[in-house]
Amino acid sequence: MAAPGPASLQRRLQSSQEARHRQAVLVRKLQAKVLQYRTRCRELEQQLEAGAGCLPGRWEATEALEKALLQVKEEQQRYKEEAFPPTRYPGCSRQGGKTCQW
């Protein structure tokens, strides 16, 4: 097998340099992103300390989501009861302790 020629070596060298440059750019971007996250975490920690442990509006949003979830569950139950009445299916009764398995 013949040794690689100067042109081949030059292409490999250039390819390696380009790869190192792309990697360096990526590392700089990642370092900047880490600094952004650290800054944001510090800000959130300060907000938590200043607000005695709660972020403004967070609990209200949580309560609203829980209420919406409860409504969805109730609507699902109504749909099951209307669409699949227990009397239509043998062995599926809400009386006597047995319940349908959906």
PDB file of N, CA and C in Angstrom:
ATOM      1  N   MET A   1       0.840  -1.169   0.000  1.00  0.00           N
ATOM      2  CA  MET A   1       0.000   0.000   0.000  1.00  0.00           C
ATOM      3  C   MET A   1       0.893   1.242   0.000  1.00  0.00           C
ATOM      4  N   ALA A   2       0.539   2.213  -0.817  1.00  0.00           N
ATOM      5  CA  ALA A   2       1.343   3.419  -0.950  1.00  0.00           C
ATOM      6  C   ALA A   2       1.033   4.401   0.169  1.00  0.00           C
ATOM      7  N   ALA A   3       2.027   5.194   0.518  1.00  0.00           N
ATOM      8  CA  ALA A   3       1.863   6.225   1.544  1.00  0.00           C
ATOM      9  C   ALA A   3       0.958   7.323   0.979  1.00  0.00           C
ATOM     10  N   PRO A   4       0.161   7.943   1.852  1.00  0.00           N
ATOM     11  CA  PRO A   4      -0.707   9.009   1.366  1.00  0.00           C
ATOM     12  C   PRO A   4       0.113  10.173   0.819  1.00  0.00           C
ATOM     13  N   GLY A   5      -0.405  10.779  -0.236  1.00  0.00           N
ATOM     14  CA  GLY A   5       0.294  11.889  -0.870  1.00  0.00           C
ATOM     15  C   GLY A   5       0.095  13.183  -0.110  1.00  0.00           C
ATOM     16  N   PRO A   6       0.848  14.207  -0.478  1.00  0.00           N
ATOM     17  CA  PRO A   6       0.748  15.500   0.208  1.00  0.00           C
ATOM     18  C   PRO A   6      -0.658  16.100   0.117  1.00  0.00           C
ATOM     19  N   ALA A   7      -1.341  15.927  -0.992  1.00  0.00           N
ATOM     20  CA  ALA A   7      -2.690  16.489  -1.130  1.00  0.00           C
ATOM     21  C   ALA A   7      -3.649  15.806  -0.166  1.00  0.00           C
ATOM     22  N   SER A   8      -3.522  14.501  -0.012  1.00  0.00           N
ATOM     23  CA  SER A   8      -4.371  13.748   0.907  1.00  0.00           C
ATOM     24  C   SER A   8      -4.111  14.174   2.351  1.00  0.00           C
ATOM     25  N   LEU A   9      -2.846  14.323   2.685  1.00  0.00           N
ATOM     26  CA  LEU A   9      -2.491  14.761   4.031  1.00  0.00           C
ATOM     27  C   LEU A   9      -3.006  16.177   4.300  1.00  0.00           C
ATOM     28  N   GLN A  10      -2.927  17.050   3.289  1.00  0.00           N
ATOM     29  CA  GLN A  10      -3.410  18.428   3.438  1.00  0.00           C
ATOM     30  C   GLN A  10      -4.916  18.438   3.680  1.00  0.00           C
ATOM     31  N   ARG A  11      -5.669  17.584   2.952  1.00  0.00           N
ATOM     32  CA  ARG A  11      -7.124  17.512   3.145  1.00  0.00           C
ATOM     33  C   ARG A  11      -7.462  16.994   4.543  1.00  0.00           C
ATOM     34  N   ARG A  12      -6.738  15.991   4.978  1.00  0.00           N
ATOM     35  CA  ARG A  12      -6.984  15.447   6.312  1.00  0.00           C
ATOM     36  C   ARG A  12      -6.689  16.486   7.392  1.00  0.00           C
ATOM     37  N   LEU A  13      -5.599  17.229   7.218  1.00  0.00           N
ATOM     38  CA  LEU A  13      -5.229  18.268   8.165  1.00  0.00           C
ATOM     39  C   LEU A  13      -6.302  19.362   8.199  1.00  0.00           C
ATOM     40  N   GLN A  14      -6.734  19.795   7.029  1.00  0.00           N
ATOM     41  CA  GLN A  14      -7.756  20.835   6.955  1.00  0.00           C
ATOM     42  C   GLN A  14      -9.071  20.348   7.574  1.00  0.00           C
ATOM     43  N   SER A  15      -9.451  19.107   7.297  1.00  0.00           N
ATOM     44  CA  SER A  15     -10.672  18.528   7.863  1.00  0.00           C
ATOM     45  C   SER A  15     -10.581  18.475   9.387  1.00  0.00           C
ATOM     46  N   SER A  16      -9.426  18.103   9.894  1.00  0.00           N
ATOM     47  CA  SER A  16      -9.226  18.035  11.338  1.00  0.00           C
ATOM     48  C   SER A  16      -9.308  19.424  11.969  1.00  0.00           C
ATOM     49  N   GLN A  17      -8.712  20.413  11.317  1.00  0.00           N
ATOM     50  CA  GLN A  17      -8.765  21.777  11.836  1.00  0.00           C
ATOM     51  C   GLN A  17     -10.202  22.306  11.842  1.00  0.00           C
ATOM     52  N   GLU A  18     -10.954  22.027  10.790  1.00  0.00           N
ATOM     53  CA  GLU A  18     -12.350  22.456  10.733  1.00  0.00           C
ATOM     54  C   GLU A  18     -13.175  21.793  11.828  1.00  0.00           C
ATOM     55  N   ALA A  19     -12.931  20.513  12.065  1.00  0.00           N
ATOM     56  CA  ALA A  19     -13.653  19.799  13.111  1.00  0.00           C
ATOM     57  C   ALA A  19     -13.336  20.397  14.479  1.00  0.00           C
ATOM     58  N   ARG A  20     -12.054  20.718  14.725  1.00  0.00           N
ATOM     59  CA  ARG A  20     -11.674  21.339  15.994  1.00  0.00           C
ATOM     60  C   ARG A  20     -12.325  22.714  16.149  1.00  0.00           C
ATOM     61  N   HIS A  21     -12.394  23.459  15.059  1.00  0.00           N
ATOM     62  CA  HIS A  21     -13.027  24.776  15.110  1.00  0.00           C
ATOM     63  C   HIS A  21     -14.517  24.651  15.441  1.00  0.00           C
ATOM     64  N   ARG A  22     -15.220  23.709  14.783  1.00  0.00           N
ATOM     65  CA  ARG A  22     -16.639  23.494  15.069  1.00  0.00           C
ATOM     66  C   ARG A  22     -16.842  23.075  16.516  1.00  0.00           C
ATOM     67  N   GLN A  23     -15.956  22.228  17.003  1.00  0.00           N
ATOM     68  CA  GLN A  23     -16.054  21.783  18.384  1.00  0.00           C
ATOM     69  C   GLN A  23     -15.829  22.948  19.348  1.00  0.00           C
ATOM     70  N   ALA A  24     -14.879  23.808  19.052  1.00  0.00           N
ATOM     71  CA  ALA A  24     -14.608  24.967  19.916  1.00  0.00           C
ATOM     72  C   ALA A  24     -15.814  25.906  19.936  1.00  0.00           C
ATOM     73  N   VAL A  25     -16.441  26.114  18.789  1.00  0.00           N
ATOM     74  CA  VAL A  25     -17.633  26.963  18.725  1.00  0.00           C
ATOM     75  C   VAL A  25     -18.746  26.349  19.570  1.00  0.00           C
ATOM     76  N   LEU A  26     -18.941  25.060  19.442  1.00  0.00           N
ATOM     77  CA  LEU A  26     -19.972  24.371  20.214  1.00  0.00           C
ATOM     78  C   LEU A  26     -19.700  24.479  21.714  1.00  0.00           C
ATOM     79  N   VAL A  27     -18.460  24.310  22.125  1.00  0.00           N
ATOM     80  CA  VAL A  27     -18.093  24.412  23.540  1.00  0.00           C
ATOM     81  C   VAL A  27     -18.391  25.815  24.057  1.00  0.00           C
ATOM     82  N   ARG A  28     -18.060  26.844  23.269  1.00  0.00           N
ATOM     83  CA  ARG A  28     -18.350  28.225  23.697  1.00  0.00           C
ATOM     84  C   ARG A  28     -19.848  28.439  23.853  1.00  0.00           C
ATOM     85  N   LYS A  29     -20.636  27.915  22.917  1.00  0.00           N
ATOM     86  CA  LYS A  29     -22.097  28.056  23.009  1.00  0.00           C
ATOM     87  C   LYS A  29     -22.631  27.351  24.252  1.00  0.00           C
ATOM     88  N   LEU A  30     -22.120  26.173  24.520  1.00  0.00           N
ATOM     89  CA  LEU A  30     -22.567  25.427  25.694  1.00  0.00           C
ATOM     90  C   LEU A  30     -22.163  26.138  26.984  1.00  0.00           C
ATOM     91  N   GLN A  31     -20.982  26.690  27.016  1.00  0.00           N
ATOM     92  CA  GLN A  31     -20.547  27.428  28.196  1.00  0.00           C
ATOM     93  C   GLN A  31     -21.442  28.644  28.435  1.00  0.00           C
ATOM     94  N   ALA A  32     -21.815  29.332  27.362  1.00  0.00           N
ATOM     95  CA  ALA A  32     -22.708  30.486  27.498  1.00  0.00           C
ATOM     96  C   ALA A  32     -24.070  30.047  28.023  1.00  0.00           C
ATOM     97  N   LYS A  33     -24.560  28.911  27.534  1.00  0.00           N
ATOM     98  CA  LYS A  33     -25.857  28.407  27.980  1.00  0.00           C
ATOM     99  C   LYS A  33     -25.805  28.025  29.459  1.00  0.00           C
ATOM    100  N   VAL A  34     -24.732  27.421  29.891  1.00  0.00           N
ATOM    101  CA  VAL A  34     -24.573  27.064  31.306  1.00  0.00           C
ATOM    102  C   VAL A  34     -24.594  28.322  32.170  1.00  0.00           C
ATOM    103  N   LEU A  35     -23.921  29.359  31.725  1.00  0.00           N
ATOM    104  CA  LEU A  35     -23.930  30.617  32.485  1.00  0.00           C
ATOM    105  C   LEU A  35     -25.339  31.199  32.551  1.00  0.00           C
ATOM    106  N   GLN A  36     -26.096  31.122  31.463  1.00  0.00           N
ATOM    107  CA  GLN A  36     -27.481  31.595  31.473  1.00  0.00           C
ATOM    108  C   GLN A  36     -28.298  30.825  32.506  1.00  0.00           C
ATOM    109  N   TYR A  37     -28.166  29.504  32.510  1.00  0.00           N
ATOM    110  CA  TYR A  37     -28.921  28.679  33.456  1.00  0.00           C
ATOM    111  C   TYR A  37     -28.525  28.987  34.896  1.00  0.00           C
ATOM    112  N   ARG A  38     -27.248  29.159  35.134  1.00  0.00           N
ATOM    113  CA  ARG A  38     -26.799  29.481  36.494  1.00  0.00           C
ATOM    114  C   ARG A  38     -27.392  30.814  36.957  1.00  0.00           C
ATOM    115  N   THR A  39     -27.371  31.799  36.063  1.00  0.00           N
ATOM    116  CA  THR A  39     -27.940  33.101  36.401  1.00  0.00           C
ATOM    117  C   THR A  39     -29.424  32.973  36.690  1.00  0.00           C
ATOM    118  N   ARG A  40     -30.137  32.238  35.856  1.00  0.00           N
ATOM    119  CA  ARG A  40     -31.579  32.059  36.049  1.00  0.00           C
ATOM    120  C   ARG A  40     -31.859  31.321  37.358  1.00  0.00           C
ATOM    121  N   CYS A  41     -31.075  30.330  37.676  1.00  0.00           N
ATOM    122  CA  CYS A  41     -31.256  29.601  38.935  1.00  0.00           C
ATOM    123  C   CYS A  41     -31.040  30.524  40.130  1.00  0.00           C
ATOM    124  N   ARG A  42     -30.007  31.372  40.065  1.00  0.00           N
ATOM    125  CA  ARG A  42     -29.777  32.325  41.156  1.00  0.00           C
ATOM    126  C   ARG A  42     -30.967  33.267  41.315  1.00  0.00           C
ATOM    127  N   GLU A  43     -31.496  33.747  40.181  1.00  0.00           N
ATOM    128  CA  GLU A  43     -32.657  34.645  40.240  1.00  0.00           C
ATOM    129  C   GLU A  43     -33.854  33.948  40.885  1.00  0.00           C
ATOM    130  N   LEU A  44     -34.103  32.702  40.497  1.00  0.00           N
ATOM    131  CA  LEU A  44     -35.229  31.966  41.069  1.00  0.00           C
ATOM    132  C   LEU A  44     -35.033  31.706  42.551  1.00  0.00           C
ATOM    133  N   GLU A  45     -33.809  31.378  42.940  1.00  0.00           N
ATOM    134  CA  GLU A  45     -33.528  31.166  44.362  1.00  0.00           C
ATOM    135  C   GLU A  45     -33.777  32.441  45.157  1.00  0.00           C
ATOM    136  N   GLN A  46     -33.367  33.584  44.607  1.00  0.00           N
ATOM    137  CA  GLN A  46     -33.594  34.859  45.293  1.00  0.00           C
ATOM    138  C   GLN A  46     -35.092  35.150  45.399  1.00  0.00           C
ATOM    139  N   GLN A  47     -35.847  34.840  44.345  1.00  0.00           N
ATOM    140  CA  GLN A  47     -37.291  35.041  44.393  1.00  0.00           C
ATOM    141  C   GLN A  47     -37.924  34.153  45.452  1.00  0.00           C
ATOM    142  N   LEU A  48     -37.456  32.922  45.543  1.00  0.00           N
ATOM    143  CA  LEU A  48     -37.992  32.008  46.551  1.00  0.00           C
ATOM    144  C   LEU A  48     -37.706  32.521  47.958  1.00  0.00           C
ATOM    145  N   GLU A  49     -36.473  32.962  48.173  1.00  0.00           N
ATOM    146  CA  GLU A  49     -36.114  33.475  49.497  1.00  0.00           C
ATOM    147  C   GLU A  49     -36.909  34.730  49.831  1.00  0.00           C
ATOM    148  N   ALA A  50     -37.068  35.619  48.874  1.00  0.00           N
ATOM    149  CA  ALA A  50     -37.774  36.874  49.115  1.00  0.00           C
ATOM    150  C   ALA A  50     -39.270  36.645  49.305  1.00  0.00           C
ATOM    151  N   GLY A  51     -39.817  35.641  48.645  1.00  0.00           N
ATOM    152  CA  GLY A  51     -41.253  35.382  48.718  1.00  0.00           C
ATOM    153  C   GLY A  51     -41.621  34.342  49.739  1.00  0.00           C
ATOM    154  N   ALA A  52     -40.766  34.033  50.649  1.00  0.00           N
ATOM    155  CA  ALA A  52     -41.018  33.045  51.708  1.00  0.00           C
ATOM    156  C   ALA A  52     -41.397  31.695  51.126  1.00  0.00           C
ATOM    157  N   GLY A  53     -40.757  31.332  50.044  1.00  0.00           N
ATOM    158  CA  GLY A  53     -40.942  29.976  49.535  1.00  0.00           C
ATOM    159  C   GLY A  53     -41.945  29.801  48.428  1.00  0.00           C
ATOM    160  N   CYS A  54     -42.599  30.843  47.951  1.00  0.00           N
ATOM    161  CA  CYS A  54     -43.546  30.616  46.859  1.00  0.00           C
ATOM    162  C   CYS A  54     -43.327  31.630  45.751  1.00  0.00           C
ATOM    163  N   LEU A  55     -43.445  31.167  44.546  1.00  0.00           N
ATOM    164  CA  LEU A  55     -43.352  32.045  43.397  1.00  0.00           C
ATOM    165  C   LEU A  55     -44.712  32.668  43.139  1.00  0.00           C
ATOM    166  N   PRO A  56     -44.758  33.922  42.767  1.00  0.00           N
ATOM    167  CA  PRO A  56     -46.045  34.595  42.558  1.00  0.00           C
ATOM    168  C   PRO A  56     -46.869  33.891  41.484  1.00  0.00           C
ATOM    169  N   GLY A  57     -48.124  33.643  41.804  1.00  0.00           N
ATOM    170  CA  GLY A  57     -49.041  33.050  40.837  1.00  0.00           C
ATOM    171  C   GLY A  57     -48.939  31.548  40.683  1.00  0.00           C
ATOM    172  N   ARG A  58     -47.931  30.962  41.254  1.00  0.00           N
ATOM    173  CA  ARG A  58     -47.748  29.521  41.053  1.00  0.00           C
ATOM    174  C   ARG A  58     -48.865  28.716  41.700  1.00  0.00           C
ATOM    175  N   TRP A  59     -49.238  29.062  42.926  1.00  0.00           N
ATOM    176  CA  TRP A  59     -50.245  28.266  43.619  1.00  0.00           C
ATOM    177  C   TRP A  59     -51.609  28.440  42.977  1.00  0.00           C
ATOM    178  N   GLU A  60     -51.901  29.652  42.511  1.00  0.00           N
ATOM    179  CA  GLU A  60     -53.178  29.875  41.846  1.00  0.00           C
ATOM    180  C   GLU A  60     -53.264  29.036  40.575  1.00  0.00           C
ATOM    181  N   ALA A  61     -52.173  28.988  39.828  1.00  0.00           N
ATOM    182  CA  ALA A  61     -52.151  28.199  38.597  1.00  0.00           C
ATOM    183  C   ALA A  61     -52.308  26.721  38.915  1.00  0.00           C
ATOM    184  N   THR A  62     -51.676  26.257  39.976  1.00  0.00           N
ATOM    185  CA  THR A  62     -51.789  24.856  40.365  1.00  0.00           C
ATOM    186  C   THR A  62     -53.228  24.511  40.736  1.00  0.00           C
ATOM    187  N   GLU A  63     -53.863  25.394  41.482  1.00  0.00           N
ATOM    188  CA  GLU A  63     -55.258  25.149  41.862  1.00  0.00           C
ATOM    189  C   GLU A  63     -56.153  25.108  40.628  1.00  0.00           C
ATOM    190  N   ALA A  64     -55.916  25.991  39.680  1.00  0.00           N
ATOM    191  CA  ALA A  64     -56.719  26.018  38.455  1.00  0.00           C
ATOM    192  C   ALA A  64     -56.526  24.729  37.660  1.00  0.00           C
ATOM    193  N   LEU A  65     -55.303  24.252  37.594  1.00  0.00           N
ATOM    194  CA  LEU A  65     -55.033  23.003  36.880  1.00  0.00           C
ATOM    195  C   LEU A  65     -55.699  21.813  37.568  1.00  0.00           C
ATOM    196  N   GLU A  66     -55.641  21.781  38.889  1.00  0.00           N
ATOM    197  CA  GLU A  66     -56.273  20.691  39.622  1.00  0.00           C
ATOM    198  C   GLU A  66     -57.782  20.702  39.418  1.00  0.00           C
ATOM    199  N   LYS A  67     -58.366  21.885  39.406  1.00  0.00           N
ATOM    200  CA  LYS A  67     -59.801  22.001  39.179  1.00  0.00           C
ATOM    201  C   LYS A  67     -60.165  21.519  37.763  1.00  0.00           C
ATOM    202  N   ALA A  68     -59.359  21.912  36.781  1.00  0.00           N
ATOM    203  CA  ALA A  68     -59.602  21.480  35.401  1.00  0.00           C
ATOM    204  C   ALA A  68     -59.461  19.967  35.283  1.00  0.00           C
ATOM    205  N   LEU A  69     -58.480  19.390  35.948  1.00  0.00           N
ATOM    206  CA  LEU A  69     -58.287  17.947  35.926  1.00  0.00           C
ATOM    207  C   LEU A  69     -59.483  17.228  36.528  1.00  0.00           C
ATOM    208  N   LEU A  70     -60.001  17.745  37.619  1.00  0.00           N
ATOM    209  CA  LEU A  70     -61.174  17.154  38.249  1.00  0.00           C
ATOM    210  C   LEU A  70     -62.372  17.208  37.300  1.00  0.00           C
ATOM    211  N   GLN A  71     -62.555  18.323  36.616  1.00  0.00           N
ATOM    212  CA  GLN A  71     -63.653  18.441  35.654  1.00  0.00           C
ATOM    213  C   GLN A  71     -63.513  17.437  34.525  1.00  0.00           C
ATOM    214  N   VAL A  72     -62.296  17.242  34.037  1.00  0.00           N
ATOM    215  CA  VAL A  72     -62.063  16.267  32.968  1.00  0.00           C
ATOM    216  C   VAL A  72     -62.408  14.868  33.449  1.00  0.00           C
ATOM    217  N   LYS A  73     -61.995  14.529  34.655  1.00  0.00           N
ATOM    218  CA  LYS A  73     -62.293  13.202  35.199  1.00  0.00           C
ATOM    219  C   LYS A  73     -63.795  13.003  35.348  1.00  0.00           C
ATOM    220  N   GLU A  74     -64.495  14.040  35.807  1.00  0.00           N
ATOM    221  CA  GLU A  74     -65.948  13.935  35.949  1.00  0.00           C
ATOM    222  C   GLU A  74     -66.615  13.753  34.586  1.00  0.00           C
ATOM    223  N   GLU A  75     -66.138  14.486  33.578  1.00  0.00           N
ATOM    224  CA  GLU A  75     -66.699  14.347  32.235  1.00  0.00           C
ATOM    225  C   GLU A  75     -66.422  12.958  31.674  1.00  0.00           C
ATOM    226  N   GLN A  76     -65.247  12.414  31.921  1.00  0.00           N
ATOM    227  CA  GLN A  76     -64.925  11.058  31.468  1.00  0.00           C
ATOM    228  C   GLN A  76     -65.869  10.052  32.107  1.00  0.00           C
ATOM    229  N   GLN A  77     -66.119  10.215  33.403  1.00  0.00           N
ATOM    230  CA  GLN A  77     -67.019   9.291  34.101  1.00  0.00           C
ATOM    231  C   GLN A  77     -68.424   9.382  33.535  1.00  0.00           C
ATOM    232  N   ARG A  78     -68.910  10.603  33.285  1.00  0.00           N
ATOM    233  CA  ARG A  78     -70.251  10.773  32.698  1.00  0.00           C
ATOM    234  C   ARG A  78     -70.323  10.123  31.318  1.00  0.00           C
ATOM    235  N   TYR A  79     -69.266  10.290  30.533  1.00  0.00           N
ATOM    236  CA  TYR A  79     -69.245   9.686  29.202  1.00  0.00           C
ATOM    237  C   TYR A  79     -69.325   8.174  29.304  1.00  0.00           C
ATOM    238  N   LYS A  80     -68.556   7.595  30.198  1.00  0.00           N
ATOM    239  CA  LYS A  80     -68.579   6.132  30.355  1.00  0.00           C
ATOM    240  C   LYS A  80     -69.965   5.659  30.764  1.00  0.00           C
ATOM    241  N   GLU A  81     -70.579   6.380  31.687  1.00  0.00           N
ATOM    242  CA  GLU A  81     -71.897   5.974  32.162  1.00  0.00           C
ATOM    243  C   GLU A  81     -72.957   6.124  31.072  1.00  0.00           C
ATOM    244  N   GLU A  82     -72.858   7.160  30.244  1.00  0.00           N
ATOM    245  CA  GLU A  82     -73.838   7.366  29.182  1.00  0.00           C
ATOM    246  C   GLU A  82     -73.592   6.445  27.995  1.00  0.00           C
ATOM    247  N   ALA A  83     -72.341   6.267  27.625  1.00  0.00           N
ATOM    248  CA  ALA A  83     -72.016   5.475  26.443  1.00  0.00           C
ATOM    249  C   ALA A  83     -72.064   3.977  26.705  1.00  0.00           C
ATOM    250  N   PHE A  84     -71.754   3.577  27.907  1.00  0.00           N
ATOM    251  CA  PHE A  84     -71.698   2.159  28.235  1.00  0.00           C
ATOM    252  C   PHE A  84     -72.484   1.871  29.510  1.00  0.00           C
ATOM    253  N   PRO A  85     -73.794   1.921  29.451  1.00  0.00           N
ATOM    254  CA  PRO A  85     -74.564   1.618  30.666  1.00  0.00           C
ATOM    255  C   PRO A  85     -74.281   0.188  31.113  1.00  0.00           C
ATOM    256  N   PRO A  86     -74.166  -0.073  32.398  1.00  0.00           N
ATOM    257  CA  PRO A  86     -73.790  -1.397  32.901  1.00  0.00           C
ATOM    258  C   PRO A  86     -74.799  -2.488  32.556  1.00  0.00           C
ATOM    259  N   THR A  87     -76.032  -2.141  32.318  1.00  0.00           N
ATOM    260  CA  THR A  87     -77.031  -3.170  32.043  1.00  0.00           C
ATOM    261  C   THR A  87     -76.854  -3.792  30.673  1.00  0.00           C
ATOM    262  N   ARG A  88     -76.122  -3.185  29.779  1.00  0.00           N
ATOM    263  CA  ARG A  88     -75.932  -3.725  28.429  1.00  0.00           C
ATOM    264  C   ARG A  88     -74.928  -4.867  28.378  1.00  0.00           C
ATOM    265  N   TYR A  89     -74.072  -4.958  29.357  1.00  0.00           N
ATOM    266  CA  TYR A  89     -72.987  -5.923  29.288  1.00  0.00           C
ATOM    267  C   TYR A  89     -73.088  -6.921  30.436  1.00  0.00           C
ATOM    268  N   PRO A  90     -73.134  -8.223  30.122  1.00  0.00           N
ATOM    269  CA  PRO A  90     -73.231  -9.225  31.186  1.00  0.00           C
ATOM    270  C   PRO A  90     -71.980  -9.211  32.068  1.00  0.00           C
ATOM    271  N   GLY A  91     -72.211  -9.373  33.351  1.00  0.00           N
ATOM    272  CA  GLY A  91     -71.099  -9.419  34.303  1.00  0.00           C
ATOM    273  C   GLY A  91     -70.532  -8.047  34.622  1.00  0.00           C
ATOM    274  N   CYS A  92     -71.180  -7.023  34.132  1.00  0.00           N
ATOM    275  CA  CYS A  92     -70.682  -5.671  34.357  1.00  0.00           C
ATOM    276  C   CYS A  92     -71.784  -4.882  35.032  1.00  0.00           C
ATOM    277  N   SER A  93     -71.699  -4.781  36.329  1.00  0.00           N
ATOM    278  CA  SER A  93     -72.757  -4.129  37.085  1.00  0.00           C
ATOM    279  C   SER A  93     -72.152  -3.252  38.155  1.00  0.00           C
ATOM    280  N   ARG A  94     -72.774  -2.138  38.391  1.00  0.00           N
ATOM    281  CA  ARG A  94     -72.297  -1.260  39.461  1.00  0.00           C
ATOM    282  C   ARG A  94     -73.013  -1.604  40.765  1.00  0.00           C
ATOM    283  N   GLN A  95     -73.833  -2.608  40.733  1.00  0.00           N
ATOM    284  CA  GLN A  95     -74.551  -3.023  41.929  1.00  0.00           C
ATOM    285  C   GLN A  95     -73.890  -4.275  42.489  1.00  0.00           C
ATOM    286  N   GLY A  96     -74.029  -4.483  43.741  1.00  0.00           N
ATOM    287  CA  GLY A  96     -73.489  -5.696  44.367  1.00  0.00           C
ATOM    288  C   GLY A  96     -71.978  -5.699  44.483  1.00  0.00           C
ATOM    289  N   GLY A  97     -71.343  -4.545  44.407  1.00  0.00           N
ATOM    290  CA  GLY A  97     -69.903  -4.485  44.620  1.00  0.00           C
ATOM    291  C   GLY A  97     -69.080  -4.711  43.353  1.00  0.00           C
ATOM    292  N   LYS A  98     -69.709  -5.127  42.260  1.00  0.00           N
ATOM    293  CA  LYS A  98     -68.967  -5.340  41.021  1.00  0.00           C
ATOM    294  C   LYS A  98     -68.943  -4.034  40.225  1.00  0.00           C
ATOM    295  N   THR A  99     -67.848  -3.777  39.564  1.00  0.00           N
ATOM    296  CA  THR A  99     -67.769  -2.595  38.713  1.00  0.00           C
ATOM    297  C   THR A  99     -67.180  -2.986  37.365  1.00  0.00           C
ATOM    298  N   CYS A 100     -67.484  -2.192  36.370  1.00  0.00           N
ATOM    299  CA  CYS A 100     -66.925  -2.429  35.041  1.00  0.00           C
ATOM    300  C   CYS A 100     -65.447  -2.054  35.020  1.00  0.00           C
ATOM    301  N   GLN A 101     -64.687  -2.778  34.265  1.00  0.00           N
ATOM    302  CA  GLN A 101     -63.290  -2.448  34.067  1.00  0.00           C
ATOM    303  C   GLN A 101     -63.153  -1.901  32.654  1.00  0.00           C
ATOM    304  N   TRP A 102     -62.848  -0.640  32.532  1.00  0.00           N
ATOM    305  CA  TRP A 102     -62.769  -0.019  31.199  1.00  0.00           C
ATOM    306  C   TRP A 102     -61.361  -0.070  30.735  1.00  0.00           C
TER     307      TRP A 102
END
